[in-house]
Amino acid sequence: MVGFIAIYRRPEHGPTPYLDNLHVRPSNRSGGLGGRLLIEAANQLRKLGENTLYLWLVDGNDAAQRFYERLGGLPTERSSKEVFGVPLKTLKIEWDDLGPIIRGATAASQ
């Protein structure tokens, strides 16, 4: 496996789909796979009647933040969370429209 994406549409995550994981093996990064995974997820969400998405990332993960912002994600909130007993500062990235993901990732992979 070189990459995967996991998105939840569950009430405990709120009314907006939640991108829990998007991972690409380090040796396969910068080749467009993350964008293609995100495009496919956005297309599937649209088929399900969804048009929004959000995620939390560790504040300071600048490469991930740049990736999501290039695809139209907007930083909207900072928070502190405890993950496996470790306090982390986190940043929420949101899309109120999945169109920029589809357009941005498609353009980036060409």
PDB file of N, CA and C in Angstrom:
ATOM      1  N   MET A   1       0.844  -1.166   0.000  1.00  0.00           N
ATOM      2  CA  MET A   1       0.000   0.000   0.000  1.00  0.00           C
ATOM      3  C   MET A   1       0.896   1.237   0.000  1.00  0.00           C
ATOM      4  N   VAL A   2       0.503   2.209  -0.821  1.00  0.00           N
ATOM      5  CA  VAL A   2       1.286   3.445  -0.880  1.00  0.00           C
ATOM      6  C   VAL A   2       0.522   4.645  -0.319  1.00  0.00           C
ATOM      7  N   GLY A   3      -0.789   4.497  -0.081  1.00  0.00           N
ATOM      8  CA  GLY A   3      -1.540   5.596   0.488  1.00  0.00           C
ATOM      9  C   GLY A   3      -2.969   5.199   0.788  1.00  0.00           C
ATOM     10  N   PHE A   4      -3.600   5.988   1.663  1.00  0.00           N
ATOM     11  CA  PHE A   4      -5.013   5.760   1.958  1.00  0.00           C
ATOM     12  C   PHE A   4      -5.641   7.024   2.513  1.00  0.00           C
ATOM     13  N   ILE A   5      -6.972   7.054   2.470  1.00  0.00           N
ATOM     14  CA  ILE A   5      -7.739   8.168   3.013  1.00  0.00           C
ATOM     15  C   ILE A   5      -8.909   7.584   3.792  1.00  0.00           C
ATOM     16  N   ALA A   6      -9.262   8.230   4.901  1.00  0.00           N
ATOM     17  CA  ALA A   6     -10.411   7.811   5.716  1.00  0.00           C
ATOM     18  C   ALA A   6     -11.230   9.044   6.063  1.00  0.00           C
ATOM     19  N   ILE A   7     -12.503   9.010   5.691  1.00  0.00           N
ATOM     20  CA  ILE A   7     -13.425  10.106   5.977  1.00  0.00           C
ATOM     21  C   ILE A   7     -14.635   9.527   6.683  1.00  0.00           C
ATOM     22  N   TYR A   8     -15.071  10.202   7.738  1.00  0.00           N
ATOM     23  CA  TYR A   8     -16.219   9.747   8.519  1.00  0.00           C
ATOM     24  C   TYR A   8     -17.417  10.652   8.294  1.00  0.00           C
ATOM     25  N   ARG A   9     -18.566  10.026   8.194  1.00  0.00           N
ATOM     26  CA  ARG A   9     -19.850  10.735   8.156  1.00  0.00           C
ATOM     27  C   ARG A   9     -20.677  10.174   9.310  1.00  0.00           C
ATOM     28  N   ARG A  10     -20.293  10.508  10.508  1.00  0.00           N
ATOM     29  CA  ARG A  10     -20.957   9.981  11.697  1.00  0.00           C
ATOM     30  C   ARG A  10     -21.430  11.131  12.569  1.00  0.00           C
ATOM     31  N   PRO A  11     -22.561  10.931  13.255  1.00  0.00           N
ATOM     32  CA  PRO A  11     -23.082  12.009  14.109  1.00  0.00           C
ATOM     33  C   PRO A  11     -22.086  12.517  15.147  1.00  0.00           C
ATOM     34  N   GLU A  12     -21.229  11.647  15.674  1.00  0.00           N
ATOM     35  CA  GLU A  12     -20.293  12.114  16.704  1.00  0.00           C
ATOM     36  C   GLU A  12     -19.246  13.081  16.157  1.00  0.00           C
ATOM     37  N   HIS A  13     -19.116  13.155  14.834  1.00  0.00           N
ATOM     38  CA  HIS A  13     -18.193  14.106  14.212  1.00  0.00           C
ATOM     39  C   HIS A  13     -18.919  15.356  13.732  1.00  0.00           C
ATOM     40  N   GLY A  14     -20.219  15.445  13.991  1.00  0.00           N
ATOM     41  CA  GLY A  14     -21.005  16.600  13.567  1.00  0.00           C
ATOM     42  C   GLY A  14     -21.608  16.385  12.200  1.00  0.00           C
ATOM     43  N   PRO A  15     -22.303  17.418  11.697  1.00  0.00           N
ATOM     44  CA  PRO A  15     -23.001  17.269  10.413  1.00  0.00           C
ATOM     45  C   PRO A  15     -22.080  17.311   9.199  1.00  0.00           C
ATOM     46  N   THR A  16     -20.847  17.738   9.394  1.00  0.00           N
ATOM     47  CA  THR A  16     -19.902  17.862   8.285  1.00  0.00           C
ATOM     48  C   THR A  16     -18.986  16.644   8.238  1.00  0.00           C
ATOM     49  N   PRO A  17     -18.775  16.063   7.047  1.00  0.00           N
ATOM     50  CA  PRO A  17     -17.827  14.944   6.949  1.00  0.00           C
ATOM     51  C   PRO A  17     -16.446  15.339   7.492  1.00  0.00           C
ATOM     52  N   TYR A  18     -15.811  14.372   8.148  1.00  0.00           N
ATOM     53  CA  TYR A  18     -14.542  14.584   8.837  1.00  0.00           C
ATOM     54  C   TYR A  18     -13.442  13.749   8.184  1.00  0.00           C
ATOM     55  N   LEU A  19     -12.411  14.419   7.689  1.00  0.00           N
ATOM     56  CA  LEU A  19     -11.251  13.737   7.113  1.00  0.00           C
ATOM     57  C   LEU A  19     -10.342  13.354   8.277  1.00  0.00           C
ATOM     58  N   ASP A  20     -10.341  12.068   8.595  1.00  0.00           N
ATOM     59  CA  ASP A  20      -9.579  11.579   9.743  1.00  0.00           C
ATOM     60  C   ASP A  20      -8.133  11.269   9.371  1.00  0.00           C
ATOM     61  N   ASN A  21      -7.912  10.737   8.194  1.00  0.00           N
ATOM     62  CA  ASN A  21      -6.559  10.345   7.774  1.00  0.00           C
ATOM     63  C   ASN A  21      -6.394  10.510   6.278  1.00  0.00           C
ATOM     64  N   LEU A  22      -5.253  11.028   5.880  1.00  0.00           N
ATOM     65  CA  LEU A  22      -4.790  11.012   4.494  1.00  0.00           C
ATOM     66  C   LEU A  22      -3.293  10.806   4.588  1.00  0.00           C
ATOM     67  N   HIS A  23      -2.858   9.628   4.200  1.00  0.00           N
ATOM     68  CA  HIS A  23      -1.436   9.296   4.310  1.00  0.00           C
ATOM     69  C   HIS A  23      -0.917   8.751   2.989  1.00  0.00           C
ATOM     70  N   VAL A  24       0.269   9.191   2.637  1.00  0.00           N
ATOM     71  CA  VAL A  24       0.984   8.678   1.474  1.00  0.00           C
ATOM     72  C   VAL A  24       2.373   8.296   1.952  1.00  0.00           C
ATOM     73  N   ARG A  25       2.801   7.106   1.569  1.00  0.00           N
ATOM     74  CA  ARG A  25       4.146   6.642   1.937  1.00  0.00           C
ATOM     75  C   ARG A  25       5.169   7.704   1.536  1.00  0.00           C
ATOM     76  N   PRO A  26       6.118   8.033   2.414  1.00  0.00           N
ATOM     77  CA  PRO A  26       7.083   9.103   2.104  1.00  0.00           C
ATOM     78  C   PRO A  26       7.758   8.964   0.747  1.00  0.00           C
ATOM     79  N   SER A  27       8.092   7.771   0.342  1.00  0.00           N
ATOM     80  CA  SER A  27       8.765   7.591  -0.953  1.00  0.00           C
ATOM     81  C   SER A  27       7.839   7.860  -2.138  1.00  0.00           C
ATOM     82  N   ASN A  28       6.530   7.990  -1.894  1.00  0.00           N
ATOM     83  CA  ASN A  28       5.571   8.235  -2.964  1.00  0.00           C
ATOM     84  C   ASN A  28       4.954   9.640  -2.899  1.00  0.00           C
ATOM     85  N   ARG A  29       5.450  10.471  -2.006  1.00  0.00           N
ATOM     86  CA  ARG A  29       4.910  11.828  -1.881  1.00  0.00           C
ATOM     87  C   ARG A  29       5.365  12.706  -3.034  1.00  0.00           C
ATOM     88  N   SER A  30       4.648  13.782  -3.237  1.00  0.00           N
ATOM     89  CA  SER A  30       4.929  14.786  -4.273  1.00  0.00           C
ATOM     90  C   SER A  30       4.689  14.264  -5.675  1.00  0.00           C
ATOM     91  N   GLY A  31       3.994  13.164  -5.796  1.00  0.00           N
ATOM     92  CA  GLY A  31       3.667  12.627  -7.113  1.00  0.00           C
ATOM     93  C   GLY A  31       2.204  12.771  -7.468  1.00  0.00           C
ATOM     94  N   GLY A  32       1.421  13.413  -6.609  1.00  0.00           N
ATOM     95  CA  GLY A  32       0.009  13.638  -6.904  1.00  0.00           C
ATOM     96  C   GLY A  32      -0.949  12.625  -6.303  1.00  0.00           C
ATOM     97  N   LEU A  33      -0.424  11.595  -5.622  1.00  0.00           N
ATOM     98  CA  LEU A  33      -1.304  10.564  -5.076  1.00  0.00           C
ATOM     99  C   LEU A  33      -2.235  11.120  -4.012  1.00  0.00           C
ATOM    100  N   GLY A  34      -1.740  11.964  -3.108  1.00  0.00           N
ATOM    101  CA  GLY A  34      -2.597  12.548  -2.073  1.00  0.00           C
ATOM    102  C   GLY A  34      -3.736  13.341  -2.692  1.00  0.00           C
ATOM    103  N   GLY A  35      -3.426  14.112  -3.705  1.00  0.00           N
ATOM    104  CA  GLY A  35      -4.458  14.876  -4.405  1.00  0.00           C
ATOM    105  C   GLY A  35      -5.481  13.974  -5.070  1.00  0.00           C
ATOM    106  N   ARG A  36      -5.023  12.897  -5.701  1.00  0.00           N
ATOM    107  CA  ARG A  36      -5.955  11.963  -6.350  1.00  0.00           C
ATOM    108  C   ARG A  36      -6.850  11.285  -5.327  1.00  0.00           C
ATOM    109  N   LEU A  37      -6.287  10.919  -4.180  1.00  0.00           N
ATOM    110  CA  LEU A  37      -7.116  10.327  -3.124  1.00  0.00           C
ATOM    111  C   LEU A  37      -8.174  11.325  -2.649  1.00  0.00           C
ATOM    112  N   LEU A  38      -7.770  12.574  -2.488  1.00  0.00           N
ATOM    113  CA  LEU A  38      -8.704  13.591  -2.031  1.00  0.00           C
ATOM    114  C   LEU A  38      -9.773  13.884  -3.088  1.00  0.00           C
ATOM    115  N   ILE A  39      -9.409  13.909  -4.356  1.00  0.00           N
ATOM    116  CA  ILE A  39     -10.393  14.084  -5.437  1.00  0.00           C
ATOM    117  C   ILE A  39     -11.431  12.975  -5.382  1.00  0.00           C
ATOM    118  N   GLU A  40     -10.975  11.739  -5.301  1.00  0.00           N
ATOM    119  CA  GLU A  40     -11.909  10.610  -5.278  1.00  0.00           C
ATOM    120  C   GLU A  40     -12.832  10.693  -4.071  1.00  0.00           C
ATOM    121  N   ALA A  41     -12.287  11.051  -2.924  1.00  0.00           N
ATOM    122  CA  ALA A  41     -13.113  11.183  -1.728  1.00  0.00           C
ATOM    123  C   ALA A  41     -14.142  12.301  -1.914  1.00  0.00           C
ATOM    124  N   ALA A  42     -13.717  13.439  -2.463  1.00  0.00           N
ATOM    125  CA  ALA A  42     -14.647  14.555  -2.689  1.00  0.00           C
ATOM    126  C   ALA A  42     -15.749  14.149  -3.667  1.00  0.00           C
ATOM    127  N   ASN A  43     -15.389  13.427  -4.716  1.00  0.00           N
ATOM    128  CA  ASN A  43     -16.399  12.955  -5.668  1.00  0.00           C
ATOM    129  C   ASN A  43     -17.381  12.000  -5.003  1.00  0.00           C
ATOM    130  N   GLN A  44     -16.888  11.101  -4.170  1.00  0.00           N
ATOM    131  CA  GLN A  44     -17.771  10.166  -3.467  1.00  0.00           C
ATOM    132  C   GLN A  44     -18.681  10.914  -2.488  1.00  0.00           C
ATOM    133  N   LEU A  45     -18.132  11.897  -1.785  1.00  0.00           N
ATOM    134  CA  LEU A  45     -18.954  12.694  -0.872  1.00  0.00           C
ATOM    135  C   LEU A  45     -20.066  13.419  -1.624  1.00  0.00           C
ATOM    136  N   ARG A  46     -19.737  13.971  -2.781  1.00  0.00           N
ATOM    137  CA  ARG A  46     -20.764  14.659  -3.581  1.00  0.00           C
ATOM    138  C   ARG A  46     -21.867  13.686  -3.994  1.00  0.00           C
ATOM    139  N   LYS A  47     -21.497  12.473  -4.375  1.00  0.00           N
ATOM    140  CA  LYS A  47     -22.506  11.471  -4.743  1.00  0.00           C
ATOM    141  C   LYS A  47     -23.439  11.168  -3.574  1.00  0.00           C
ATOM    142  N   LEU A  48     -22.927  11.341  -2.354  1.00  0.00           N
ATOM    143  CA  LEU A  48     -23.722  11.099  -1.149  1.00  0.00           C
ATOM    144  C   LEU A  48     -24.479  12.356  -0.702  1.00  0.00           C
ATOM    145  N   GLY A  49     -24.383  13.414  -1.499  1.00  0.00           N
ATOM    146  CA  GLY A  49     -25.102  14.642  -1.179  1.00  0.00           C
ATOM    147  C   GLY A  49     -24.356  15.602  -0.271  1.00  0.00           C
ATOM    148  N   GLU A  50     -23.078  15.359  -0.061  1.00  0.00           N
ATOM    149  CA  GLU A  50     -22.272  16.227   0.807  1.00  0.00           C
ATOM    150  C   GLU A  50     -21.521  17.253  -0.035  1.00  0.00           C
ATOM    151  N   ASN A  51     -21.245  18.408   0.555  1.00  0.00           N
ATOM    152  CA  ASN A  51     -20.440  19.404  -0.147  1.00  0.00           C
ATOM    153  C   ASN A  51     -19.473  20.130   0.778  1.00  0.00           C
ATOM    154  N   THR A  52     -19.256  19.575   1.984  1.00  0.00           N
ATOM    155  CA  THR A  52     -18.335  20.193   2.940  1.00  0.00           C
ATOM    156  C   THR A  52     -17.417  19.128   3.517  1.00  0.00           C
ATOM    157  N   LEU A  53     -16.351  19.588   4.156  1.00  0.00           N
ATOM    158  CA  LEU A  53     -15.372  18.671   4.738  1.00  0.00           C
ATOM    159  C   LEU A  53     -14.530  19.462   5.734  1.00  0.00           C
ATOM    160  N   TYR A  54     -14.041  18.775   6.762  1.00  0.00           N
ATOM    161  CA  TYR A  54     -13.096  19.415   7.675  1.00  0.00           C
ATOM    162  C   TYR A  54     -12.108  18.382   8.196  1.00  0.00           C
ATOM    163  N   LEU A  55     -11.010  18.877   8.755  1.00  0.00           N
ATOM    164  CA  LEU A  55     -10.008  18.034   9.393  1.00  0.00           C
ATOM    165  C   LEU A  55      -9.298  18.846  10.455  1.00  0.00           C
ATOM    166  N   TRP A  56      -8.625  18.147  11.340  1.00  0.00           N
ATOM    167  CA  TRP A  56      -7.729  18.765  12.324  1.00  0.00           C
ATOM    168  C   TRP A  56      -6.329  18.270  12.015  1.00  0.00           C
ATOM    169  N   LEU A  57      -5.355  19.171  12.042  1.00  0.00           N
ATOM    170  CA  LEU A  57      -3.965  18.740  11.902  1.00  0.00           C
ATOM    171  C   LEU A  57      -3.145  19.334  13.027  1.00  0.00           C
ATOM    172  N   VAL A  58      -2.009  18.741  13.261  1.00  0.00           N
ATOM    173  CA  VAL A  58      -1.119  19.248  14.307  1.00  0.00           C
ATOM    174  C   VAL A  58      -0.597  20.607  13.855  1.00  0.00           C
ATOM    175  N   ASP A  59      -0.818  21.610  14.690  1.00  0.00           N
ATOM    176  CA  ASP A  59      -0.347  22.950  14.385  1.00  0.00           C
ATOM    177  C   ASP A  59       1.169  22.898  14.237  1.00  0.00           C
ATOM    178  N   GLY A  60       1.661  23.461  13.161  1.00  0.00           N
ATOM    179  CA  GLY A  60       3.096  23.411  12.892  1.00  0.00           C
ATOM    180  C   GLY A  60       3.442  22.418  11.800  1.00  0.00           C
ATOM    181  N   ASN A  61       2.480  21.592  11.375  1.00  0.00           N
ATOM    182  CA  ASN A  61       2.704  20.692  10.238  1.00  0.00           C
ATOM    183  C   ASN A  61       2.482  21.530   8.981  1.00  0.00           C
ATOM    184  N   ASP A  62       3.483  22.361   8.695  1.00  0.00           N
ATOM    185  CA  ASP A  62       3.355  23.346   7.627  1.00  0.00           C
ATOM    186  C   ASP A  62       3.160  22.727   6.248  1.00  0.00           C
ATOM    187  N   ALA A  63       3.805  21.600   5.971  1.00  0.00           N
ATOM    188  CA  ALA A  63       3.656  20.962   4.657  1.00  0.00           C
ATOM    189  C   ALA A  63       2.212  20.529   4.449  1.00  0.00           C
ATOM    190  N   ALA A  64       1.609  19.918   5.456  1.00  0.00           N
ATOM    191  CA  ALA A  64       0.206  19.490   5.337  1.00  0.00           C
ATOM    192  C   ALA A  64      -0.699  20.706   5.206  1.00  0.00           C
ATOM    193  N   GLN A  65      -0.450  21.730   5.992  1.00  0.00           N
ATOM    194  CA  GLN A  65      -1.286  22.920   5.918  1.00  0.00           C
ATOM    195  C   GLN A  65      -1.219  23.535   4.520  1.00  0.00           C
ATOM    196  N   ARG A  66      -0.019  23.646   3.948  1.00  0.00           N
ATOM    197  CA  ARG A  66       0.124  24.191   2.587  1.00  0.00           C
ATOM    198  C   ARG A  66      -0.620  23.325   1.580  1.00  0.00           C
ATOM    199  N   PHE A  67      -0.513  21.995   1.697  1.00  0.00           N
ATOM    200  CA  PHE A  67      -1.200  21.064   0.796  1.00  0.00           C
ATOM    201  C   PHE A  67      -2.706  21.330   0.818  1.00  0.00           C
ATOM    202  N   TYR A  68      -3.296  21.377   2.011  1.00  0.00           N
ATOM    203  CA  TYR A  68      -4.739  21.568   2.114  1.00  0.00           C
ATOM    204  C   TYR A  68      -5.168  22.969   1.679  1.00  0.00           C
ATOM    205  N   GLU A  69      -4.364  23.974   1.976  1.00  0.00           N
ATOM    206  CA  GLU A  69      -4.704  25.326   1.550  1.00  0.00           C
ATOM    207  C   GLU A  69      -4.641  25.465   0.036  1.00  0.00           C
ATOM    208  N   ARG A  70      -3.675  24.792  -0.620  1.00  0.00           N
ATOM    209  CA  ARG A  70      -3.613  24.811  -2.088  1.00  0.00           C
ATOM    210  C   ARG A  70      -4.893  24.231  -2.685  1.00  0.00           C
ATOM    211  N   LEU A  71      -5.561  23.372  -1.935  1.00  0.00           N
ATOM    212  CA  LEU A  71      -6.784  22.728  -2.415  1.00  0.00           C
ATOM    213  C   LEU A  71      -8.034  23.421  -1.868  1.00  0.00           C
ATOM    214  N   GLY A  72      -7.880  24.655  -1.423  1.00  0.00           N
ATOM    215  CA  GLY A  72      -9.022  25.452  -1.024  1.00  0.00           C
ATOM    216  C   GLY A  72      -9.417  25.368   0.431  1.00  0.00           C
ATOM    217  N   GLY A  73      -8.705  24.579   1.236  1.00  0.00           N
ATOM    218  CA  GLY A  73      -9.017  24.485   2.655  1.00  0.00           C
ATOM    219  C   GLY A  73      -8.641  25.763   3.384  1.00  0.00           C
ATOM    220  N   LEU A  74      -9.488  26.157   4.325  1.00  0.00           N
ATOM    221  CA  LEU A  74      -9.246  27.377   5.078  1.00  0.00           C
ATOM    222  C   LEU A  74      -9.013  27.071   6.551  1.00  0.00           C
ATOM    223  N   PRO A  75      -7.917  27.576   7.129  1.00  0.00           N
ATOM    224  CA  PRO A  75      -7.721  27.414   8.568  1.00  0.00           C
ATOM    225  C   PRO A  75      -8.766  28.257   9.294  1.00  0.00           C
ATOM    226  N   THR A  76      -9.495  27.632  10.215  1.00  0.00           N
ATOM    227  CA  THR A  76     -10.605  28.341  10.849  1.00  0.00           C
ATOM    228  C   THR A  76     -10.535  28.391  12.368  1.00  0.00           C
ATOM    229  N   GLU A  77      -9.779  27.509  12.970  1.00  0.00           N
ATOM    230  CA  GLU A  77      -9.816  27.429  14.431  1.00  0.00           C
ATOM    231  C   GLU A  77      -8.543  26.758  14.948  1.00  0.00           C
ATOM    232  N   ARG A  78      -8.062  27.235  16.062  1.00  0.00           N
ATOM    233  CA  ARG A  78      -6.956  26.582  16.763  1.00  0.00           C
ATOM    234  C   ARG A  78      -7.486  26.029  18.064  1.00  0.00           C
ATOM    235  N   SER A  79      -6.903  24.916  18.483  1.00  0.00           N
ATOM    236  CA  SER A  79      -7.366  24.278  19.709  1.00  0.00           C
ATOM    237  C   SER A  79      -6.222  23.496  20.323  1.00  0.00           C
ATOM    238  N   SER A  80      -6.419  23.046  21.533  1.00  0.00           N
ATOM    239  CA  SER A  80      -5.498  22.119  22.173  1.00  0.00           C
ATOM    240  C   SER A  80      -6.254  20.825  22.410  1.00  0.00           C
ATOM    241  N   LYS A  81      -5.639  19.723  22.039  1.00  0.00           N
ATOM    242  CA  LYS A  81      -6.244  18.411  22.207  1.00  0.00           C
ATOM    243  C   LYS A  81      -5.227  17.483  22.848  1.00  0.00           C
ATOM    244  N   GLU A  82      -5.710  16.468  23.479  1.00  0.00           N
ATOM    245  CA  GLU A  82      -4.831  15.446  24.020  1.00  0.00           C
ATOM    246  C   GLU A  82      -4.983  14.204  23.144  1.00  0.00           C
ATOM    247  N   VAL A  83      -3.869  13.743  22.605  1.00  0.00           N
ATOM    248  CA  VAL A  83      -3.859  12.560  21.743  1.00  0.00           C
ATOM    249  C   VAL A  83      -2.928  11.532  22.378  1.00  0.00           C
ATOM    250  N   PHE A  84      -3.501  10.397  22.775  1.00  0.00           N
ATOM    251  CA  PHE A  84      -2.737   9.351  23.448  1.00  0.00           C
ATOM    252  C   PHE A  84      -1.971   9.894  24.649  1.00  0.00           C
ATOM    253  N   GLY A  85      -2.616  10.814  25.355  1.00  0.00           N
ATOM    254  CA  GLY A  85      -2.025  11.373  26.560  1.00  0.00           C
ATOM    255  C   GLY A  85      -1.032  12.501  26.330  1.00  0.00           C
ATOM    256  N   VAL A  86      -0.844  12.886  25.076  1.00  0.00           N
ATOM    257  CA  VAL A  86       0.107  13.951  24.739  1.00  0.00           C
ATOM    258  C   VAL A  86      -0.680  15.200  24.340  1.00  0.00           C
ATOM    259  N   PRO A  87      -0.447  16.335  25.015  1.00  0.00           N
ATOM    260  CA  PRO A  87      -1.147  17.560  24.617  1.00  0.00           C
ATOM    261  C   PRO A  87      -0.581  18.092  23.296  1.00  0.00           C
ATOM    262  N   LEU A  88      -1.489  18.407  22.372  1.00  0.00           N
ATOM    263  CA  LEU A  88      -1.086  18.922  21.062  1.00  0.00           C
ATOM    264  C   LEU A  88      -1.877  20.173  20.734  1.00  0.00           C
ATOM    265  N   LYS A  89      -1.222  21.122  20.092  1.00  0.00           N
ATOM    266  CA  LYS A  89      -1.919  22.264  19.524  1.00  0.00           C
ATOM    267  C   LYS A  89      -2.360  21.844  18.125  1.00  0.00           C
ATOM    268  N   THR A  90      -3.625  22.114  17.818  1.00  0.00           N
ATOM    269  CA  THR A  90      -4.166  21.664  16.543  1.00  0.00           C
ATOM    270  C   THR A  90      -4.785  22.829  15.778  1.00  0.00           C
ATOM    271  N   LEU A  91      -4.935  22.621  14.483  1.00  0.00           N
ATOM    272  CA  LEU A  91      -5.487  23.612  13.576  1.00  0.00           C
ATOM    273  C   LEU A  91      -6.590  22.940  12.761  1.00  0.00           C
ATOM    274  N   LYS A  92      -7.755  23.574  12.734  1.00  0.00           N
ATOM    275  CA  LYS A  92      -8.877  23.048  11.949  1.00  0.00           C
ATOM    276  C   LYS A  92      -8.822  23.649  10.551  1.00  0.00           C
ATOM    277  N   ILE A  93      -8.951  22.786   9.545  1.00  0.00           N
ATOM    278  CA  ILE A  93      -9.022  23.198   8.141  1.00  0.00           C
ATOM    279  C   ILE A  93     -10.407  22.802   7.648  1.00  0.00           C
ATOM    280  N   GLU A  94     -11.099  23.737   6.970  1.00  0.00           N
ATOM    281  CA  GLU A  94     -12.454  23.463   6.510  1.00  0.00           C
ATOM    282  C   GLU A  94     -12.645  23.836   5.043  1.00  0.00           C
ATOM    283  N   TRP A  95     -13.565  23.118   4.413  1.00  0.00           N
ATOM    284  CA  TRP A  95     -14.051  23.426   3.080  1.00  0.00           C
ATOM    285  C   TRP A  95     -15.561  23.576   3.182  1.00  0.00           C
ATOM    286  N   ASP A  96     -16.101  24.714   2.733  1.00  0.00           N
ATOM    287  CA  ASP A  96     -17.556  24.838   2.679  1.00  0.00           C
ATOM    288  C   ASP A  96     -18.059  24.477   1.283  1.00  0.00           C
ATOM    289  N   ASP A  97     -17.121  24.086   0.413  1.00  0.00           N
ATOM    290  CA  ASP A  97     -17.448  23.644  -0.942  1.00  0.00           C
ATOM    291  C   ASP A  97     -16.333  22.698  -1.390  1.00  0.00           C
ATOM    292  N   LEU A  98     -16.701  21.529  -1.873  1.00  0.00           N
ATOM    293  CA  LEU A  98     -15.704  20.538  -2.311  1.00  0.00           C
ATOM    294  C   LEU A  98     -15.118  20.850  -3.691  1.00  0.00           C
ATOM    295  N   GLY A  99     -15.715  21.790  -4.412  1.00  0.00           N
ATOM    296  CA  GLY A  99     -15.237  22.127  -5.753  1.00  0.00           C
ATOM    297  C   GLY A  99     -13.760  22.474  -5.818  1.00  0.00           C
ATOM    298  N   PRO A 100     -13.246  23.317  -4.918  1.00  0.00           N
ATOM    299  CA  PRO A 100     -11.818  23.645  -4.979  1.00  0.00           C
ATOM    300  C   PRO A 100     -10.905  22.433  -4.817  1.00  0.00           C
ATOM    301  N   ILE A 101     -11.325  21.442  -4.043  1.00  0.00           N
ATOM    302  CA  ILE A 101     -10.515  20.225  -3.925  1.00  0.00           C
ATOM    303  C   ILE A 101     -10.396  19.579  -5.288  1.00  0.00           C
ATOM    304  N   ILE A 102     -11.529  19.405  -5.930  1.00  0.00           N
ATOM    305  CA  ILE A 102     -11.557  18.718  -7.227  1.00  0.00           C
ATOM    306  C   ILE A 102     -10.775  19.509  -8.274  1.00  0.00           C
ATOM    307  N   ARG A 103     -11.019  20.797  -8.351  1.00  0.00           N
ATOM    308  CA  ARG A 103     -10.317  21.618  -9.334  1.00  0.00           C
ATOM    309  C   ARG A 103      -8.836  21.751  -9.013  1.00  0.00           C
ATOM    310  N   GLY A 104      -8.508  22.003  -7.739  1.00  0.00           N
ATOM    311  CA  GLY A 104      -7.116  22.214  -7.348  1.00  0.00           C
ATOM    312  C   GLY A 104      -6.268  20.972  -7.457  1.00  0.00           C
ATOM    313  N   ALA A 105      -6.778  19.844  -7.007  1.00  0.00           N
ATOM    314  CA  ALA A 105      -6.004  18.597  -7.067  1.00  0.00           C
ATOM    315  C   ALA A 105      -5.862  18.143  -8.506  1.00  0.00           C
ATOM    316  N   THR A 106      -6.887  18.351  -9.325  1.00  0.00           N
ATOM    317  CA  THR A 106      -6.790  17.960 -10.726  1.00  0.00           C
ATOM    318  C   THR A 106      -5.713  18.780 -11.414  1.00  0.00           C
ATOM    319  N   ALA A 107      -5.695  20.083 -11.179  1.00  0.00           N
ATOM    320  CA  ALA A 107      -4.697  20.963 -11.800  1.00  0.00           C
ATOM    321  C   ALA A 107      -3.290  20.610 -11.310  1.00  0.00           C
ATOM    322  N   ALA A 108      -3.156  20.307 -10.019  1.00  0.00           N
ATOM    323  CA  ALA A 108      -1.837  20.002  -9.454  1.00  0.00           C
ATOM    324  C   ALA A 108      -1.268  18.703 -10.002  1.00  0.00           C
ATOM    325  N   SER A 109      -2.144  17.756 -10.369  1.00  0.00           N
ATOM    326  CA  SER A 109      -1.647  16.461 -10.827  1.00  0.00           C
ATOM    327  C   SER A 109      -1.353  16.441 -12.320  1.00  0.00           C
ATOM    328  N   GLN A 110      -1.638  17.554 -13.022  1.00  0.00           N
ATOM    329  CA  GLN A 110      -1.382  17.585 -14.477  1.00  0.00           C
ATOM    330  C   GLN A 110      -0.006  18.102 -14.778  1.00  0.00           C
TER     331      GLN A 110
END
